[in-house]
Amino acid sequence: MNKPILHDPLAALLAAPSARLSDPRVAERRPADVEMARILRTAPLQMASDPFNGGIAHWKHGALHDVVQPMTDHVIMTYPTGVQRLERRAGKSVAIGTARSGVVTIIPAGASARWDIPGPVDVIQLYLPHTTLERVAHEADAPILGDLLERTGHSDSVTSGLLMSAADVLEGNAVLDALFRQRLMDLLATRILAAHTGVPTSFEPTMGGLAPRTLRRAIERLRSDSDADVSLAALASDAGLSRFHFCRAFKESTGLSPHAWLRQHRLEQAMNMLRDTDTSIVSVAAQLGYASQTAFTAAFKKLTGETPSDWRRRTR
């Protein structure tokens, strides 16, 4: 696992939740990350979030016997390791499941229930805004949303795999990590709409790639070393498409998602700098936007199987 993204995640989550509850329609609901920090009584091992795309958090917590209060976002979770009994009780309704690899648990926004978990749990959680579900449904010309279904240890290897990738790909690079989270949110929203609502949604396959000129503009934006906005929203707007259709068309044209394309481009830049210049590895990391040499080394080794220093020695 990478180093925690926040120096003091628990303090940051609990610092000023009132500022995030200004909408009177949800004033009685807590942000999901704040409620999870309260009920789990610990800090996440890793967390990344922003106000528009929700958040991803990796927790390891102990036994839990408490009521989860209503939250502003949907919470979708999966379990990287271990096996543990889960019991959710709401009124006279009781759901029992098992936390294990390949299953998901879903707490819809606004839901409240008592949870009894007798022992430790390793869990990755996604905090998914309902507005993301609505946007993806609208962009895909899908039917009106049904209610999101509560799930407790429900078998779903597809959703579980997407969530597991969240813990693997956060690289300590602000631009890459933001693009990854944005795309992951959209992929998860698509999957949730297809498999976990009262009205399952089907999605039509993409109708083709981007026009050559549009693709060139998108790639120029991704390649830019300036402060150009490379968020999915900006890329899609520049192409005159929704985020949903832009990502599908970009992958049809290039074989890669925007995040994967940019990660490959940054890797090629790193290789060129390591091979052709004497720039220090810490400077290469900084120039490519990594938070530290450690984060850059971990990302480079994940893609190449070698550390930057080993690769440089071998190719010179």
C-alpha atoms as a PDB file:
ATOM      1  CA  MET A   1       0.000   0.000   0.000  1.00  0.00           C
ATOM      2  CA  ASN A   2       1.061   3.592  -0.570  1.00  0.00           C
ATOM      3  CA  LYS A   3       1.632   6.008   2.256  1.00  0.00           C
ATOM      4  CA  PRO A   4      -1.523   7.685   3.636  1.00  0.00           C
ATOM      5  CA  ILE A   5      -2.508  10.673   1.577  1.00  0.00           C
ATOM      6  CA  LEU A   6      -3.482  12.751   4.628  1.00  0.00           C
ATOM      7  CA  HIS A   7      -1.084  13.425   7.512  1.00  0.00           C
ATOM      8  CA  ASP A   8      -3.917  13.199  10.048  1.00  0.00           C
ATOM      9  CA  PRO A   9      -6.960  11.813   8.223  1.00  0.00           C
ATOM     10  CA  LEU A  10      -9.205  11.419  11.261  1.00  0.00           C
ATOM     11  CA  ALA A  11      -8.656  14.985  12.408  1.00  0.00           C
ATOM     12  CA  ALA A  12      -9.227  16.270   8.879  1.00  0.00           C
ATOM     13  CA  LEU A  13     -12.496  14.356   8.551  1.00  0.00           C
ATOM     14  CA  LEU A  14     -13.873  15.602  11.862  1.00  0.00           C
ATOM     15  CA  ALA A  15     -12.537  19.146  11.708  1.00  0.00           C
ATOM     16  CA  ALA A  16     -15.479  21.101  10.248  1.00  0.00           C
ATOM     17  CA  PRO A  17     -18.299  18.875   9.018  1.00  0.00           C
ATOM     18  CA  SER A  18     -20.881  21.641   9.432  1.00  0.00           C
ATOM     19  CA  ALA A  19     -19.512  23.432   6.397  1.00  0.00           C
ATOM     20  CA  ARG A  20     -20.384  20.395   4.305  1.00  0.00           C
ATOM     21  CA  LEU A  21     -23.988  20.237   5.490  1.00  0.00           C
ATOM     22  CA  SER A  22     -25.246  23.594   4.243  1.00  0.00           C
ATOM     23  CA  ASP A  23     -27.988  22.120   2.013  1.00  0.00           C
ATOM     24  CA  PRO A  24     -31.158  22.114   4.189  1.00  0.00           C
ATOM     25  CA  ARG A  25     -32.492  19.057   2.351  1.00  0.00           C
ATOM     26  CA  VAL A  26     -29.649  16.936   3.745  1.00  0.00           C
ATOM     27  CA  ALA A  27     -28.910  18.839   6.948  1.00  0.00           C
ATOM     28  CA  GLU A  28     -29.808  15.777   9.012  1.00  0.00           C
ATOM     29  CA  ARG A  29     -27.354  13.614   7.048  1.00  0.00           C
ATOM     30  CA  ARG A  30     -23.617  13.445   7.623  1.00  0.00           C
ATOM     31  CA  PRO A  31     -20.943  13.225   4.937  1.00  0.00           C
ATOM     32  CA  ALA A  32     -20.071   9.554   4.557  1.00  0.00           C
ATOM     33  CA  ASP A  33     -16.393  10.003   5.418  1.00  0.00           C
ATOM     34  CA  VAL A  34     -17.256  11.875   8.610  1.00  0.00           C
ATOM     35  CA  GLU A  35     -19.795   9.257   9.712  1.00  0.00           C
ATOM     36  CA  MET A  36     -17.359   6.427   8.975  1.00  0.00           C
ATOM     37  CA  ALA A  37     -14.634   8.126  11.013  1.00  0.00           C
ATOM     38  CA  ARG A  38     -17.087   8.461  13.898  1.00  0.00           C
ATOM     39  CA  ILE A  39     -18.362   4.916  13.879  1.00  0.00           C
ATOM     40  CA  LEU A  40     -15.102   3.117  13.053  1.00  0.00           C
ATOM     41  CA  ARG A  41     -13.188   5.130  15.679  1.00  0.00           C
ATOM     42  CA  THR A  42      -9.967   5.103  13.725  1.00  0.00           C
ATOM     43  CA  ALA A  43      -8.246   6.833  10.830  1.00  0.00           C
ATOM     44  CA  PRO A  44      -8.173   5.431   7.282  1.00  0.00           C
ATOM     45  CA  LEU A  45      -4.943   3.877   6.080  1.00  0.00           C
ATOM     46  CA  GLN A  46      -5.408   5.783   2.842  1.00  0.00           C
ATOM     47  CA  MET A  47      -7.930   8.310   1.602  1.00  0.00           C
ATOM     48  CA  ALA A  48      -8.484  10.529  -1.424  1.00  0.00           C
ATOM     49  CA  SER A  49     -11.493  12.740  -2.034  1.00  0.00           C
ATOM     50  CA  ASP A  50     -12.824  15.928  -3.556  1.00  0.00           C
ATOM     51  CA  PRO A  51     -16.167  17.700  -3.170  1.00  0.00           C
ATOM     52  CA  PHE A  52     -17.427  16.848  -6.676  1.00  0.00           C
ATOM     53  CA  ASN A  53     -16.320  13.251  -7.245  1.00  0.00           C
ATOM     54  CA  GLY A  54     -16.747  11.680  -3.823  1.00  0.00           C
ATOM     55  CA  GLY A  55     -14.048   9.715  -2.066  1.00  0.00           C
ATOM     56  CA  ILE A  56     -12.168   6.444  -1.740  1.00  0.00           C
ATOM     57  CA  ALA A  57     -10.913   5.198   1.620  1.00  0.00           C
ATOM     58  CA  HIS A  58      -9.120   2.083   2.869  1.00  0.00           C
ATOM     59  CA  TRP A  59      -9.811   1.201   6.494  1.00  0.00           C
ATOM     60  CA  LYS A  60      -8.830  -1.506   8.933  1.00  0.00           C
ATOM     61  CA  HIS A  61     -11.062  -1.433  11.981  1.00  0.00           C
ATOM     62  CA  GLY A  62     -12.047  -3.577  14.915  1.00  0.00           C
ATOM     63  CA  ALA A  63     -15.361  -5.005  16.103  1.00  0.00           C
ATOM     64  CA  LEU A  64     -18.372  -2.755  15.528  1.00  0.00           C
ATOM     65  CA  HIS A  65     -21.660  -2.634  17.454  1.00  0.00           C
ATOM     66  CA  ASP A  66     -23.330   0.670  16.659  1.00  0.00           C
ATOM     67  CA  VAL A  67     -25.917   2.469  14.523  1.00  0.00           C
ATOM     68  CA  VAL A  68     -24.765   3.991  11.242  1.00  0.00           C
ATOM     69  CA  GLN A  69     -26.615   7.295  10.890  1.00  0.00           C
ATOM     70  CA  PRO A  70     -27.992   8.564   7.530  1.00  0.00           C
ATOM     71  CA  MET A  71     -25.287   9.791   5.152  1.00  0.00           C
ATOM     72  CA  THR A  72     -25.299  12.200   2.216  1.00  0.00           C
ATOM     73  CA  ASP A  73     -23.642   9.760  -0.222  1.00  0.00           C
ATOM     74  CA  HIS A  74     -24.047   6.109  -1.108  1.00  0.00           C
ATOM     75  CA  VAL A  75     -21.340   3.909   0.439  1.00  0.00           C
ATOM     76  CA  ILE A  76     -20.123   0.931  -1.596  1.00  0.00           C
ATOM     77  CA  MET A  77     -17.523  -1.312   0.003  1.00  0.00           C
ATOM     78  CA  THR A  78     -15.533  -4.464  -0.554  1.00  0.00           C
ATOM     79  CA  TYR A  79     -13.065  -6.511   1.475  1.00  0.00           C
ATOM     80  CA  PRO A  80      -9.473  -7.136   0.291  1.00  0.00           C
ATOM     81  CA  THR A  81      -8.563  -9.723   2.930  1.00  0.00           C
ATOM     82  CA  GLY A  82     -10.043 -11.813   5.700  1.00  0.00           C
ATOM     83  CA  VAL A  83     -13.445 -13.303   6.462  1.00  0.00           C
ATOM     84  CA  GLN A  84     -15.885 -11.738   8.929  1.00  0.00           C
ATOM     85  CA  ARG A  85     -19.569 -12.004   9.811  1.00  0.00           C
ATOM     86  CA  LEU A  86     -21.769  -8.970   9.062  1.00  0.00           C
ATOM     87  CA  GLU A  87     -25.186  -8.283  10.554  1.00  0.00           C
ATOM     88  CA  ARG A  88     -27.315  -5.293   9.626  1.00  0.00           C
ATOM     89  CA  ARG A  89     -30.579  -4.617  11.492  1.00  0.00           C
ATOM     90  CA  ALA A  90     -33.149  -1.937  10.572  1.00  0.00           C
ATOM     91  CA  GLY A  91     -36.395  -2.214  12.505  1.00  0.00           C
ATOM     92  CA  LYS A  92     -37.562  -5.817  12.157  1.00  0.00           C
ATOM     93  CA  SER A  93     -35.452  -6.397   9.064  1.00  0.00           C
ATOM     94  CA  VAL A  94     -32.214  -8.323   9.557  1.00  0.00           C
ATOM     95  CA  ALA A  95     -29.587  -9.002   6.902  1.00  0.00           C
ATOM     96  CA  ILE A  96     -26.655 -11.304   7.537  1.00  0.00           C
ATOM     97  CA  GLY A  97     -23.660 -11.658   5.242  1.00  0.00           C
ATOM     98  CA  THR A  98     -19.954 -12.410   5.178  1.00  0.00           C
ATOM     99  CA  ALA A  99     -17.173  -9.929   4.498  1.00  0.00           C
ATOM    100  CA  ARG A 100     -14.783 -11.716   2.134  1.00  0.00           C
ATOM    101  CA  SER A 101     -13.077 -11.281  -1.201  1.00  0.00           C
ATOM    102  CA  GLY A 102     -15.433 -10.772  -4.162  1.00  0.00           C
ATOM    103  CA  VAL A 103     -18.447  -9.416  -2.282  1.00  0.00           C
ATOM    104  CA  VAL A 104     -19.812  -5.913  -1.811  1.00  0.00           C
ATOM    105  CA  THR A 105     -21.852  -4.127   0.796  1.00  0.00           C
ATOM    106  CA  ILE A 106     -23.982  -1.118  -0.154  1.00  0.00           C
ATOM    107  CA  ILE A 107     -25.460   1.464   2.216  1.00  0.00           C
ATOM    108  CA  PRO A 108     -27.744   3.772   0.206  1.00  0.00           C
ATOM    109  CA  ALA A 109     -27.663   7.482   0.990  1.00  0.00           C
ATOM    110  CA  GLY A 110     -30.077   8.293   3.800  1.00  0.00           C
ATOM    111  CA  ALA A 111     -30.246   4.731   5.145  1.00  0.00           C
ATOM    112  CA  SER A 112     -29.705   3.978   8.823  1.00  0.00           C
ATOM    113  CA  ALA A 113     -29.195   0.621  10.522  1.00  0.00           C
ATOM    114  CA  ARG A 114     -27.488  -1.049  13.454  1.00  0.00           C
ATOM    115  CA  TRP A 115     -24.385  -2.985  12.520  1.00  0.00           C
ATOM    116  CA  ASP A 116     -22.890  -5.845  14.506  1.00  0.00           C
ATOM    117  CA  ILE A 117     -19.475  -7.066  13.363  1.00  0.00           C
ATOM    118  CA  PRO A 118     -17.721  -9.288  15.919  1.00  0.00           C
ATOM    119  CA  GLY A 119     -14.111  -8.853  14.794  1.00  0.00           C
ATOM    120  CA  PRO A 120     -11.610  -6.926  12.649  1.00  0.00           C
ATOM    121  CA  VAL A 121     -12.373  -5.945   9.063  1.00  0.00           C
ATOM    122  CA  ASP A 122     -10.194  -4.829   6.143  1.00  0.00           C
ATOM    123  CA  VAL A 123     -12.431  -2.719   3.880  1.00  0.00           C
ATOM    124  CA  ILE A 124     -12.228  -0.369   0.891  1.00  0.00           C
ATOM    125  CA  GLN A 125     -15.090   2.126   0.740  1.00  0.00           C
ATOM    126  CA  LEU A 126     -16.319   4.325  -2.089  1.00  0.00           C
ATOM    127  CA  TYR A 127     -18.435   7.381  -1.237  1.00  0.00           C
ATOM    128  CA  LEU A 128     -20.593   7.882  -4.326  1.00  0.00           C
ATOM    129  CA  PRO A 129     -22.687  11.060  -4.683  1.00  0.00           C
ATOM    130  CA  HIS A 130     -26.223  10.461  -5.924  1.00  0.00           C
ATOM    131  CA  THR A 131     -25.631  13.258  -8.436  1.00  0.00           C
ATOM    132  CA  THR A 132     -23.013  11.030 -10.089  1.00  0.00           C
ATOM    133  CA  LEU A 133     -25.580   8.255 -10.554  1.00  0.00           C
ATOM    134  CA  GLU A 134     -28.060  10.748 -11.981  1.00  0.00           C
ATOM    135  CA  ARG A 135     -25.465  12.237 -14.347  1.00  0.00           C
ATOM    136  CA  VAL A 136     -24.287   8.867 -15.658  1.00  0.00           C
ATOM    137  CA  ALA A 137     -27.884   7.677 -16.139  1.00  0.00           C
ATOM    138  CA  HIS A 138     -28.730  10.893 -18.009  1.00  0.00           C
ATOM    139  CA  GLU A 139     -25.614  10.768 -20.200  1.00  0.00           C
ATOM    140  CA  ALA A 140     -26.307   7.145 -21.124  1.00  0.00           C
ATOM    141  CA  ASP A 141     -29.988   7.846 -21.899  1.00  0.00           C
ATOM    142  CA  ALA A 142     -30.847   5.269 -19.227  1.00  0.00           C
ATOM    143  CA  PRO A 143     -34.269   4.921 -17.555  1.00  0.00           C
ATOM    144  CA  ILE A 144     -35.224   6.955 -14.498  1.00  0.00           C
ATOM    145  CA  LEU A 145     -33.284   5.751 -11.478  1.00  0.00           C
ATOM    146  CA  GLY A 146     -34.798   3.105  -9.254  1.00  0.00           C
ATOM    147  CA  ASP A 147     -33.936   2.888  -5.582  1.00  0.00           C
ATOM    148  CA  LEU A 148     -30.422   1.774  -4.766  1.00  0.00           C
ATOM    149  CA  LEU A 149     -30.616  -1.652  -3.121  1.00  0.00           C
ATOM    150  CA  GLU A 150     -29.100  -2.370   0.263  1.00  0.00           C
ATOM    151  CA  ARG A 151     -26.536  -5.164   0.067  1.00  0.00           C
ATOM    152  CA  THR A 152     -24.760  -7.020   2.863  1.00  0.00           C
ATOM    153  CA  GLY A 153     -21.891  -9.227   1.716  1.00  0.00           C
ATOM    154  CA  HIS A 154     -23.463  -9.569  -1.745  1.00  0.00           C
ATOM    155  CA  SER A 155     -21.481 -11.521  -4.341  1.00  0.00           C
ATOM    156  CA  ASP A 156     -20.345  -9.175  -7.143  1.00  0.00           C
ATOM    157  CA  SER A 157     -16.819  -9.747  -8.408  1.00  0.00           C
ATOM    158  CA  VAL A 158     -17.071  -6.936 -10.993  1.00  0.00           C
ATOM    159  CA  THR A 159     -17.851  -4.171  -8.503  1.00  0.00           C
ATOM    160  CA  SER A 160     -15.441  -5.687  -5.993  1.00  0.00           C
ATOM    161  CA  GLY A 161     -12.655  -5.727  -8.575  1.00  0.00           C
ATOM    162  CA  LEU A 162     -13.215  -2.074  -9.472  1.00  0.00           C
ATOM    163  CA  LEU A 163     -13.048  -1.100  -5.812  1.00  0.00           C
ATOM    164  CA  MET A 164      -9.944  -3.201  -5.237  1.00  0.00           C
ATOM    165  CA  SER A 165      -8.214  -1.348  -8.053  1.00  0.00           C
ATOM    166  CA  ALA A 166      -8.774   1.883  -6.118  1.00  0.00           C
ATOM    167  CA  ALA A 167      -6.298   0.788  -3.466  1.00  0.00           C
ATOM    168  CA  ASP A 168      -3.750  -0.311  -6.072  1.00  0.00           C
ATOM    169  CA  VAL A 169      -3.632   2.657  -8.431  1.00  0.00           C
ATOM    170  CA  LEU A 170      -3.413   5.734  -6.211  1.00  0.00           C
ATOM    171  CA  GLU A 171       0.154   6.747  -7.042  1.00  0.00           C
ATOM    172  CA  GLY A 172       0.915   9.972  -5.221  1.00  0.00           C
ATOM    173  CA  ASN A 173       0.529  11.974  -8.439  1.00  0.00           C
ATOM    174  CA  ALA A 174      -2.243  14.567  -8.112  1.00  0.00           C
ATOM    175  CA  VAL A 175      -3.235  14.702 -11.794  1.00  0.00           C
ATOM    176  CA  LEU A 176      -3.122  10.949 -12.388  1.00  0.00           C
ATOM    177  CA  ASP A 177      -4.892  10.157  -9.136  1.00  0.00           C
ATOM    178  CA  ALA A 178      -7.661  12.685  -9.828  1.00  0.00           C
ATOM    179  CA  LEU A 179      -8.241  11.300 -13.340  1.00  0.00           C
ATOM    180  CA  PHE A 180      -8.317   7.774 -11.954  1.00  0.00           C
ATOM    181  CA  ARG A 181     -10.830   8.638  -9.226  1.00  0.00           C
ATOM    182  CA  GLN A 182     -13.078  10.458 -11.696  1.00  0.00           C
ATOM    183  CA  ARG A 183     -13.091   7.517 -14.099  1.00  0.00           C
ATOM    184  CA  LEU A 184     -13.532   5.008 -11.294  1.00  0.00           C
ATOM    185  CA  MET A 185     -16.550   6.931 -10.012  1.00  0.00           C
ATOM    186  CA  ASP A 186     -18.137   6.795 -13.453  1.00  0.00           C
ATOM    187  CA  LEU A 187     -17.367   3.079 -13.900  1.00  0.00           C
ATOM    188  CA  LEU A 188     -18.755   2.294 -10.453  1.00  0.00           C
ATOM    189  CA  ALA A 189     -21.851   4.393 -11.125  1.00  0.00           C
ATOM    190  CA  THR A 190     -22.402   2.502 -14.380  1.00  0.00           C
ATOM    191  CA  ARG A 191     -22.042  -0.836 -12.610  1.00  0.00           C
ATOM    192  CA  ILE A 192     -24.300   0.191  -9.703  1.00  0.00           C
ATOM    193  CA  LEU A 193     -27.004   1.323 -12.138  1.00  0.00           C
ATOM    194  CA  ALA A 194     -26.748  -1.961 -14.027  1.00  0.00           C
ATOM    195  CA  ALA A 195     -26.763  -4.311 -11.045  1.00  0.00           C
ATOM    196  CA  HIS A 196     -27.888  -2.683  -7.809  1.00  0.00           C
ATOM    197  CA  THR A 197     -30.994  -0.563  -8.408  1.00  0.00           C
ATOM    198  CA  GLY A 198     -34.678  -1.389  -8.396  1.00  0.00           C
ATOM    199  CA  VAL A 199     -34.706  -0.712 -12.150  1.00  0.00           C
ATOM    200  CA  PRO A 200     -31.590  -2.391 -13.629  1.00  0.00           C
ATOM    201  CA  THR A 201     -30.097  -0.327 -16.444  1.00  0.00           C
ATOM    202  CA  SER A 202     -28.572  -1.524 -19.703  1.00  0.00           C
ATOM    203  CA  PHE A 203     -25.918   0.504 -21.507  1.00  0.00           C
ATOM    204  CA  GLU A 204     -25.542   0.613 -25.259  1.00  0.00           C
ATOM    205  CA  PRO A 205     -22.057  -0.094 -26.652  1.00  0.00           C
ATOM    206  CA  THR A 206     -20.009   2.838 -27.886  1.00  0.00           C
ATOM    207  CA  MET A 207     -20.746   3.940 -31.453  1.00  0.00           C
ATOM    208  CA  GLY A 208     -17.137   4.691 -32.413  1.00  0.00           C
ATOM    209  CA  GLY A 209     -14.074   6.684 -31.470  1.00  0.00           C
ATOM    210  CA  LEU A 210     -13.323  10.379 -31.418  1.00  0.00           C
ATOM    211  CA  ALA A 211     -12.944  12.364 -34.610  1.00  0.00           C
ATOM    212  CA  PRO A 212      -9.220  12.786 -35.425  1.00  0.00           C
ATOM    213  CA  ARG A 213      -9.222  16.512 -34.676  1.00  0.00           C
ATOM    214  CA  THR A 214     -11.048  15.999 -31.383  1.00  0.00           C
ATOM    215  CA  LEU A 215      -8.647  13.224 -30.391  1.00  0.00           C
ATOM    216  CA  ARG A 216      -5.653  15.472 -31.176  1.00  0.00           C
ATOM    217  CA  ARG A 217      -7.042  18.224 -28.936  1.00  0.00           C
ATOM    218  CA  ALA A 218      -7.609  15.778 -26.083  1.00  0.00           C
ATOM    219  CA  ILE A 219      -4.085  14.385 -26.378  1.00  0.00           C
ATOM    220  CA  GLU A 220      -2.594  17.891 -26.568  1.00  0.00           C
ATOM    221  CA  ARG A 221      -4.392  18.762 -23.330  1.00  0.00           C
ATOM    222  CA  LEU A 222      -3.175  15.579 -21.634  1.00  0.00           C
ATOM    223  CA  ARG A 223       0.399  16.189 -22.812  1.00  0.00           C
ATOM    224  CA  SER A 224       0.447  19.799 -21.683  1.00  0.00           C
ATOM    225  CA  ASP A 225       3.071  20.687 -19.096  1.00  0.00           C
ATOM    226  CA  SER A 226       1.152  23.838 -18.209  1.00  0.00           C
ATOM    227  CA  ASP A 227      -1.619  24.165 -15.641  1.00  0.00           C
ATOM    228  CA  ALA A 228      -4.218  23.122 -18.229  1.00  0.00           C
ATOM    229  CA  ASP A 229      -7.235  21.416 -16.706  1.00  0.00           C
ATOM    230  CA  VAL A 230      -7.038  17.694 -17.521  1.00  0.00           C
ATOM    231  CA  SER A 231     -10.069  16.638 -15.531  1.00  0.00           C
ATOM    232  CA  LEU A 232     -12.583  14.394 -17.289  1.00  0.00           C
ATOM    233  CA  ALA A 233     -15.079  17.253 -17.179  1.00  0.00           C
ATOM    234  CA  ALA A 234     -12.686  19.576 -19.044  1.00  0.00           C
ATOM    235  CA  LEU A 235     -11.635  16.926 -21.581  1.00  0.00           C
ATOM    236  CA  ALA A 236     -15.243  15.986 -22.288  1.00  0.00           C
ATOM    237  CA  SER A 237     -16.393  19.595 -22.543  1.00  0.00           C
ATOM    238  CA  ASP A 238     -13.600  20.397 -25.002  1.00  0.00           C
ATOM    239  CA  ALA A 239     -14.736  17.442 -27.126  1.00  0.00           C
ATOM    240  CA  GLY A 240     -18.398  18.496 -26.921  1.00  0.00           C
ATOM    241  CA  LEU A 241     -19.359  15.214 -25.254  1.00  0.00           C
ATOM    242  CA  SER A 242     -20.530  13.982 -21.888  1.00  0.00           C
ATOM    243  CA  ARG A 243     -17.964  12.364 -19.602  1.00  0.00           C
ATOM    244  CA  PHE A 244     -19.654   8.992 -20.191  1.00  0.00           C
ATOM    245  CA  HIS A 245     -19.421   9.168 -23.996  1.00  0.00           C
ATOM    246  CA  PHE A 246     -16.006  10.863 -24.054  1.00  0.00           C
ATOM    247  CA  CYS A 247     -14.362   8.102 -22.018  1.00  0.00           C
ATOM    248  CA  ARG A 248     -15.882   5.379 -24.181  1.00  0.00           C
ATOM    249  CA  ALA A 249     -14.891   7.126 -27.414  1.00  0.00           C
ATOM    250  CA  PHE A 250     -11.363   7.928 -26.185  1.00  0.00           C
ATOM    251  CA  LYS A 251     -10.777   4.283 -25.286  1.00  0.00           C
ATOM    252  CA  GLU A 252     -12.204   3.201 -28.647  1.00  0.00           C
ATOM    253  CA  SER A 253      -9.687   5.474 -30.373  1.00  0.00           C
ATOM    254  CA  THR A 254      -6.593   4.755 -28.278  1.00  0.00           C
ATOM    255  CA  GLY A 255      -7.240   1.435 -26.548  1.00  0.00           C
ATOM    256  CA  LEU A 256      -6.683   3.162 -23.195  1.00  0.00           C
ATOM    257  CA  SER A 257      -8.705   5.231 -20.755  1.00  0.00           C
ATOM    258  CA  PRO A 258      -7.559   8.871 -20.359  1.00  0.00           C
ATOM    259  CA  HIS A 259      -5.963   7.948 -17.031  1.00  0.00           C
ATOM    260  CA  ALA A 260      -4.107   4.958 -18.469  1.00  0.00           C
ATOM    261  CA  TRP A 261      -2.984   7.010 -21.494  1.00  0.00           C
ATOM    262  CA  LEU A 262      -1.593   9.785 -19.300  1.00  0.00           C
ATOM    263  CA  ARG A 263       0.109   7.285 -16.989  1.00  0.00           C
ATOM    264  CA  GLN A 264       1.804   5.682 -20.016  1.00  0.00           C
ATOM    265  CA  HIS A 265       2.840   9.122 -21.296  1.00  0.00           C
ATOM    266  CA  ARG A 266       4.343  10.051 -17.919  1.00  0.00           C
ATOM    267  CA  LEU A 267       6.215   6.736 -17.860  1.00  0.00           C
ATOM    268  CA  GLU A 268       7.709   7.462 -21.291  1.00  0.00           C
ATOM    269  CA  GLN A 269       8.739  10.943 -20.122  1.00  0.00           C
ATOM    270  CA  ALA A 270      10.373   9.426 -17.060  1.00  0.00           C
ATOM    271  CA  MET A 271      12.266   6.874 -19.152  1.00  0.00           C
ATOM    272  CA  ASN A 272      13.556   9.555 -21.516  1.00  0.00           C
ATOM    273  CA  MET A 273      14.755  11.731 -18.633  1.00  0.00           C
ATOM    274  CA  LEU A 274      16.397   8.809 -16.826  1.00  0.00           C
ATOM    275  CA  ARG A 275      18.147   7.563 -19.972  1.00  0.00           C
ATOM    276  CA  ASP A 276      19.120  10.819 -21.684  1.00  0.00           C
ATOM    277  CA  THR A 277      19.868  13.216 -18.817  1.00  0.00           C
ATOM    278  CA  ASP A 278      21.642  13.245 -15.469  1.00  0.00           C
ATOM    279  CA  THR A 279      18.599  14.692 -13.708  1.00  0.00           C
ATOM    280  CA  SER A 280      18.300  13.231 -10.219  1.00  0.00           C
ATOM    281  CA  ILE A 281      15.478  10.800  -9.571  1.00  0.00           C
ATOM    282  CA  VAL A 282      13.954  13.124  -6.984  1.00  0.00           C
ATOM    283  CA  SER A 283      13.893  15.918  -9.616  1.00  0.00           C
ATOM    284  CA  VAL A 284      12.347  13.603 -12.218  1.00  0.00           C
ATOM    285  CA  ALA A 285       9.635  12.723  -9.714  1.00  0.00           C
ATOM    286  CA  ALA A 286       8.934  16.383  -8.961  1.00  0.00           C
ATOM    287  CA  GLN A 287       8.875  17.426 -12.639  1.00  0.00           C
ATOM    288  CA  LEU A 288       6.340  14.677 -13.414  1.00  0.00           C
ATOM    289  CA  GLY A 289       4.065  15.694 -10.561  1.00  0.00           C
ATOM    290  CA  TYR A 290       4.746  12.997  -7.974  1.00  0.00           C
ATOM    291  CA  ALA A 291       4.452  13.952  -4.323  1.00  0.00           C
ATOM    292  CA  SER A 292       7.711  12.206  -3.432  1.00  0.00           C
ATOM    293  CA  GLN A 293      10.528  10.098  -4.817  1.00  0.00           C
ATOM    294  CA  THR A 294       9.027   7.147  -2.945  1.00  0.00           C
ATOM    295  CA  ALA A 295       5.669   7.527  -4.712  1.00  0.00           C
ATOM    296  CA  PHE A 296       7.380   7.866  -8.101  1.00  0.00           C
ATOM    297  CA  THR A 297       9.574   4.819  -7.492  1.00  0.00           C
ATOM    298  CA  ALA A 298       6.574   2.707  -6.476  1.00  0.00           C
ATOM    299  CA  ALA A 299       4.588   3.765  -9.569  1.00  0.00           C
ATOM    300  CA  PHE A 300       7.571   3.220 -11.908  1.00  0.00           C
ATOM    301  CA  LYS A 301       8.296  -0.232 -10.490  1.00  0.00           C
ATOM    302  CA  LYS A 302       4.631  -1.243 -10.743  1.00  0.00           C
ATOM    303  CA  LEU A 303       4.693  -0.552 -14.493  1.00  0.00           C
ATOM    304  CA  THR A 304       8.197  -1.756 -15.373  1.00  0.00           C
ATOM    305  CA  GLY A 305       9.204  -4.230 -12.680  1.00  0.00           C
ATOM    306  CA  GLU A 306      12.320  -2.157 -11.947  1.00  0.00           C
ATOM    307  CA  THR A 307      13.163   0.827  -9.792  1.00  0.00           C
ATOM    308  CA  PRO A 308      14.107   4.023 -11.664  1.00  0.00           C
ATOM    309  CA  SER A 309      17.743   3.698 -10.552  1.00  0.00           C
ATOM    310  CA  ASP A 310      17.971   0.068 -11.694  1.00  0.00           C
ATOM    311  CA  TRP A 311      16.339   0.935 -15.039  1.00  0.00           C
ATOM    312  CA  ARG A 312      18.718   3.881 -15.564  1.00  0.00           C
ATOM    313  CA  ARG A 313      21.795   1.702 -14.917  1.00  0.00           C
ATOM    314  CA  ARG A 314      20.571  -1.012 -17.274  1.00  0.00           C
ATOM    315  CA  THR A 315      19.742   1.288 -20.209  1.00  0.00           C
ATOM    316  CA  ARG A 316      22.807   3.486 -20.200  1.00  0.00           C
END
